[in-house]
N, C-alpha and C. Protein backbone atom coordinates (compact mmCIF):
# COMPACT_ATOMS: atom_id res chain seq x y z
N MET A 1 -0.93 20.15 4.09
CA MET A 1 -1.33 18.77 3.89
C MET A 1 -0.57 17.89 4.89
N VAL A 2 -1.29 17.03 5.59
CA VAL A 2 -0.71 16.07 6.53
C VAL A 2 -0.69 14.71 5.85
N GLN A 3 0.46 14.05 5.88
CA GLN A 3 0.59 12.73 5.29
C GLN A 3 1.01 11.75 6.37
N ALA A 4 0.61 10.48 6.19
CA ALA A 4 0.98 9.46 7.17
C ALA A 4 1.04 8.10 6.51
N TYR A 5 1.83 7.23 7.13
CA TYR A 5 1.81 5.81 6.80
C TYR A 5 0.98 5.14 7.88
N ILE A 6 0.11 4.24 7.48
CA ILE A 6 -0.72 3.50 8.42
C ILE A 6 -0.35 2.03 8.27
N LEU A 7 0.20 1.47 9.34
CA LEU A 7 0.62 0.07 9.35
C LEU A 7 -0.53 -0.75 9.91
N ILE A 8 -0.93 -1.79 9.20
CA ILE A 8 -2.14 -2.53 9.54
C ILE A 8 -1.85 -4.00 9.70
N GLN A 9 -2.38 -4.57 10.78
CA GLN A 9 -2.39 -6.01 10.97
C GLN A 9 -3.80 -6.49 10.68
N THR A 10 -3.90 -7.65 10.01
CA THR A 10 -5.20 -8.19 9.63
C THR A 10 -5.37 -9.61 10.15
N GLU A 11 -6.58 -10.09 10.05
CA GLU A 11 -6.82 -11.51 10.31
C GLU A 11 -6.08 -12.31 9.24
N VAL A 12 -5.75 -13.55 9.55
CA VAL A 12 -5.03 -14.42 8.62
C VAL A 12 -5.80 -14.54 7.30
N GLY A 13 -5.10 -14.33 6.20
CA GLY A 13 -5.69 -14.49 4.87
C GLY A 13 -6.51 -13.32 4.39
N LYS A 14 -6.53 -12.21 5.12
CA LYS A 14 -7.39 -11.07 4.75
C LYS A 14 -6.62 -9.88 4.17
N ALA A 15 -5.29 -9.96 4.12
CA ALA A 15 -4.49 -8.80 3.72
C ALA A 15 -4.85 -8.25 2.35
N ALA A 16 -4.97 -9.09 1.35
CA ALA A 16 -5.25 -8.62 -0.01
C ALA A 16 -6.61 -7.95 -0.09
N ALA A 17 -7.61 -8.54 0.55
CA ALA A 17 -8.96 -7.95 0.53
C ALA A 17 -8.99 -6.63 1.27
N VAL A 18 -8.30 -6.55 2.41
CA VAL A 18 -8.25 -5.31 3.18
C VAL A 18 -7.56 -4.22 2.35
N ALA A 19 -6.43 -4.52 1.75
CA ALA A 19 -5.70 -3.53 0.94
C ALA A 19 -6.56 -3.04 -0.22
N ALA A 20 -7.26 -3.94 -0.87
CA ALA A 20 -8.10 -3.56 -2.01
C ALA A 20 -9.23 -2.64 -1.58
N GLU A 21 -9.85 -2.94 -0.45
CA GLU A 21 -10.95 -2.09 0.01
C GLU A 21 -10.45 -0.72 0.45
N ILE A 22 -9.35 -0.69 1.17
CA ILE A 22 -8.81 0.58 1.65
C ILE A 22 -8.34 1.46 0.49
N ALA A 23 -7.84 0.86 -0.57
CA ALA A 23 -7.36 1.62 -1.72
C ALA A 23 -8.44 2.52 -2.31
N GLY A 24 -9.70 2.16 -2.14
CA GLY A 24 -10.80 2.95 -2.69
C GLY A 24 -11.31 4.05 -1.78
N ILE A 25 -10.73 4.22 -0.61
CA ILE A 25 -11.18 5.24 0.33
C ILE A 25 -10.56 6.58 -0.04
N PRO A 26 -11.36 7.64 -0.16
CA PRO A 26 -10.80 8.96 -0.46
C PRO A 26 -9.81 9.39 0.63
N GLY A 27 -8.67 9.91 0.21
CA GLY A 27 -7.60 10.30 1.13
C GLY A 27 -6.48 9.28 1.17
N VAL A 28 -6.74 8.06 0.71
CA VAL A 28 -5.72 7.03 0.64
C VAL A 28 -5.02 7.14 -0.70
N THR A 29 -3.69 7.30 -0.67
CA THR A 29 -2.95 7.41 -1.92
C THR A 29 -2.41 6.06 -2.39
N THR A 30 -2.03 5.19 -1.44
CA THR A 30 -1.62 3.83 -1.78
C THR A 30 -2.00 2.88 -0.65
N ALA A 31 -2.25 1.64 -1.01
CA ALA A 31 -2.53 0.59 -0.02
C ALA A 31 -1.98 -0.70 -0.60
N GLU A 32 -0.98 -1.26 0.07
CA GLU A 32 -0.32 -2.45 -0.46
C GLU A 32 -0.21 -3.52 0.62
N ASP A 33 -0.45 -4.77 0.22
CA ASP A 33 -0.24 -5.87 1.16
C ASP A 33 1.25 -6.23 1.12
N VAL A 34 1.80 -6.49 2.30
CA VAL A 34 3.23 -6.72 2.45
C VAL A 34 3.46 -7.92 3.36
N THR A 35 4.71 -8.35 3.47
CA THR A 35 5.06 -9.39 4.43
C THR A 35 5.79 -8.76 5.60
N GLY A 36 5.85 -9.47 6.71
CA GLY A 36 6.52 -8.95 7.89
C GLY A 36 5.54 -8.81 9.04
N PRO A 37 5.86 -7.97 10.02
CA PRO A 37 5.00 -7.85 11.19
C PRO A 37 3.66 -7.18 10.90
N TYR A 38 3.59 -6.44 9.79
CA TYR A 38 2.33 -5.83 9.36
C TYR A 38 1.92 -6.46 8.04
N ASP A 39 0.63 -6.44 7.78
CA ASP A 39 0.09 -7.11 6.59
C ASP A 39 -0.23 -6.14 5.46
N VAL A 40 -0.55 -4.90 5.81
CA VAL A 40 -0.89 -3.88 4.82
C VAL A 40 -0.23 -2.57 5.26
N ILE A 41 0.34 -1.85 4.29
CA ILE A 41 0.86 -0.51 4.56
C ILE A 41 0.12 0.46 3.65
N VAL A 42 -0.40 1.51 4.28
CA VAL A 42 -1.21 2.51 3.58
C VAL A 42 -0.50 3.85 3.67
N ARG A 43 -0.55 4.61 2.61
CA ARG A 43 -0.13 6.01 2.66
C ARG A 43 -1.39 6.84 2.46
N ALA A 44 -1.61 7.79 3.36
CA ALA A 44 -2.82 8.60 3.31
C ALA A 44 -2.46 10.06 3.52
N GLU A 45 -3.38 10.94 3.11
CA GLU A 45 -3.18 12.36 3.31
C GLU A 45 -4.51 13.03 3.62
N ALA A 46 -4.41 14.14 4.37
CA ALA A 46 -5.58 14.92 4.75
C ALA A 46 -5.13 16.36 4.94
N HIS A 47 -6.09 17.27 5.02
CA HIS A 47 -5.76 18.68 5.18
C HIS A 47 -5.24 19.00 6.58
N THR A 48 -5.77 18.31 7.60
CA THR A 48 -5.37 18.58 8.98
C THR A 48 -5.16 17.26 9.72
N VAL A 49 -4.54 17.34 10.89
CA VAL A 49 -4.35 16.17 11.72
C VAL A 49 -5.71 15.61 12.15
N ASP A 50 -6.66 16.49 12.45
CA ASP A 50 -8.00 16.02 12.82
C ASP A 50 -8.66 15.24 11.70
N GLU A 51 -8.54 15.72 10.47
CA GLU A 51 -9.11 15.00 9.32
C GLU A 51 -8.42 13.66 9.13
N LEU A 52 -7.11 13.63 9.35
CA LEU A 52 -6.38 12.36 9.24
C LEU A 52 -6.89 11.38 10.29
N GLY A 53 -7.07 11.85 11.50
CA GLY A 53 -7.60 10.99 12.56
C GLY A 53 -8.98 10.46 12.23
N GLN A 54 -9.83 11.30 11.67
CA GLN A 54 -11.17 10.87 11.27
C GLN A 54 -11.09 9.83 10.16
N LEU A 55 -10.17 10.01 9.22
CA LEU A 55 -9.99 9.04 8.14
C LEU A 55 -9.61 7.68 8.71
N VAL A 56 -8.66 7.68 9.65
CA VAL A 56 -8.19 6.42 10.21
C VAL A 56 -9.29 5.75 11.04
N VAL A 57 -9.90 6.50 11.96
CA VAL A 57 -10.87 5.91 12.88
C VAL A 57 -12.20 5.59 12.22
N ALA A 58 -12.71 6.50 11.42
CA ALA A 58 -14.06 6.33 10.86
C ALA A 58 -14.10 5.52 9.56
N LYS A 59 -13.01 5.53 8.81
CA LYS A 59 -13.03 4.86 7.51
C LYS A 59 -12.15 3.62 7.46
N ILE A 60 -10.90 3.76 7.85
CA ILE A 60 -9.95 2.65 7.70
C ILE A 60 -10.17 1.58 8.76
N GLN A 61 -10.28 1.97 10.04
CA GLN A 61 -10.42 0.97 11.10
C GLN A 61 -11.74 0.21 11.04
N THR A 62 -12.70 0.69 10.28
CA THR A 62 -13.98 -0.01 10.17
C THR A 62 -13.98 -1.10 9.09
N VAL A 63 -12.90 -1.21 8.33
CA VAL A 63 -12.81 -2.24 7.29
C VAL A 63 -12.74 -3.61 7.96
N GLU A 64 -13.58 -4.51 7.51
CA GLU A 64 -13.62 -5.86 8.08
C GLU A 64 -12.30 -6.60 7.84
N GLY A 65 -11.80 -7.24 8.88
CA GLY A 65 -10.57 -8.02 8.78
C GLY A 65 -9.38 -7.35 9.43
N ILE A 66 -9.51 -6.06 9.81
CA ILE A 66 -8.40 -5.36 10.46
C ILE A 66 -8.43 -5.68 11.95
N THR A 67 -7.25 -5.99 12.50
CA THR A 67 -7.17 -6.25 13.93
C THR A 67 -6.43 -5.14 14.68
N ARG A 68 -5.54 -4.41 14.00
CA ARG A 68 -4.78 -3.35 14.67
C ARG A 68 -4.20 -2.39 13.63
N THR A 69 -4.14 -1.10 13.99
CA THR A 69 -3.48 -0.12 13.13
C THR A 69 -2.46 0.68 13.93
N LEU A 70 -1.47 1.20 13.24
CA LEU A 70 -0.49 2.09 13.82
C LEU A 70 -0.28 3.22 12.81
N THR A 71 -0.61 4.45 13.21
CA THR A 71 -0.50 5.60 12.31
C THR A 71 0.81 6.32 12.56
N CYS A 72 1.58 6.54 11.50
CA CYS A 72 2.89 7.18 11.58
C CYS A 72 2.88 8.44 10.69
N PRO A 73 2.62 9.61 11.29
CA PRO A 73 2.62 10.85 10.49
C PRO A 73 4.01 11.13 9.91
N VAL A 74 4.03 11.66 8.71
CA VAL A 74 5.27 12.03 8.05
C VAL A 74 5.70 13.40 8.59
N VAL A 75 6.97 13.52 8.94
CA VAL A 75 7.51 14.81 9.39
C VAL A 75 8.61 15.24 8.42
N HIS A 76 8.76 16.52 8.27
CA HIS A 76 9.80 17.06 7.39
C HIS A 76 10.76 17.85 8.28
N LEU A 77 11.92 17.25 8.57
CA LEU A 77 12.89 17.88 9.47
C LEU A 77 13.87 18.74 8.71
């Protein structure tokens, strides 16, 4: 299982709506609106890195109100 944090910047005033919509996407375990340089932080999981990429590009980045994403895969050292 591949897990990642996805840091999301949104249009002004859209963070809560973006987080709520992303929370319903299969593969997303949590989606919370936050303060700071990013507006929403998502934790997601997939079986492979390719599936994770498809989740981010095809499902998450298509949510209206998102301006930028940064995907940070979890590593176990």
